[in-house]
Structure formats: C-alpha cells, structure tokens
Amino acid sequence: MYSLPAYAFIAQDFTTQAALYTHHQYIAGFIMTGAFAHGAIFFIRDYNPEDSK
C-alpha cells in the first residue's frame, strides 16, 4: 500500500502527467498574479512622498 505512487497512472500515462502539470501551472500563475497585484496595490497605497525626502 505504501509503495503505490500518489497518482496511480502518472508514471505511465503522459496525458495525466501533462494535464496535472498544466492544471498546477495555471493555479500557480493565478496565485502569483494575485500576489503581485496586491503587492503593487499596497506599494501605491502606502507610498508617502514625505518619507522619500
């Protein structure tokens, strides 16, 4: 039981491997886009020109 891979067919089935990779790449892209957008929002919102003098 413990020697079975997490995804039963990922070692043999290229379609499953490609689909899982693409699926997780999309999720990672969405998370990174959201993180960068929030970072930019906070940089702009919290910018104080008086502190930069």
Protein backbone atom coordinates (compact mmCIF):
# COMPACT_ATOMS: atom_id res chain seq x y z
CA MET A 1 0.00 0.00 0.00
CA TYR A 2 2.72 2.48 0.93
CA SER A 3 4.71 1.78 -2.22
CA LEU A 4 1.92 2.98 -4.52
CA PRO A 5 2.52 6.37 -6.14
CA ALA A 6 0.26 9.27 -5.20
CA TYR A 7 -1.23 9.36 -8.71
CA ALA A 8 -1.69 5.80 -9.89
CA PHE A 9 -1.06 6.35 -13.60
CA ILE A 10 1.26 9.37 -13.67
CA ALA A 11 4.36 7.27 -14.36
CA GLN A 12 2.82 5.59 -17.43
CA ASP A 13 0.15 7.99 -18.67
CA PHE A 14 1.58 11.05 -20.40
CA THR A 15 -1.85 12.68 -20.75
CA THR A 16 -2.41 12.58 -17.00
CA GLN A 17 1.06 13.94 -16.35
CA ALA A 18 0.61 16.78 -18.84
CA ALA A 19 -2.87 17.62 -17.55
CA LEU A 20 -1.73 17.75 -13.90
CA TYR A 21 1.28 19.88 -14.81
CA THR A 22 -0.85 22.34 -16.80
CA HIS A 23 -3.51 22.46 -14.09
CA HIS A 24 -0.96 23.31 -11.40
CA GLN A 25 0.81 25.84 -13.63
CA TYR A 26 -2.50 27.68 -14.09
CA ILE A 27 -3.12 27.70 -10.33
CA ALA A 28 0.42 28.92 -9.61
CA GLY A 29 0.01 31.64 -12.24
CA PHE A 30 -3.24 32.84 -10.71
CA ILE A 31 -1.73 32.90 -7.22
CA MET A 32 1.39 34.76 -8.39
CA THR A 33 -0.67 37.27 -10.37
CA GLY A 34 -2.80 37.96 -7.32
CA ALA A 35 0.26 38.31 -5.10
CA PHE A 36 1.95 40.76 -7.48
CA ALA A 37 -1.26 42.76 -7.90
CA HIS A 38 -1.75 43.02 -4.14
CA GLY A 39 1.88 43.99 -3.68
CA ALA A 40 1.53 46.75 -6.27
CA ILE A 41 -1.67 47.99 -4.66
CA PHE A 42 -0.01 48.20 -1.25
CA PHE A 43 3.11 49.88 -2.66
CA ILE A 44 0.98 52.57 -4.29
CA ARG A 45 -1.50 52.93 -1.41
CA ASP A 46 1.15 53.14 1.30
CA TYR A 47 3.54 55.44 -0.58
CA ASN A 48 4.18 58.67 1.27
CA PRO A 49 6.22 61.28 -0.65
CA GLU A 50 7.18 62.95 2.64
CA ASP A 51 9.10 59.85 3.70
CA SER A 52 11.15 59.92 0.48
CA LYS A 53 12.67 63.37 1.04
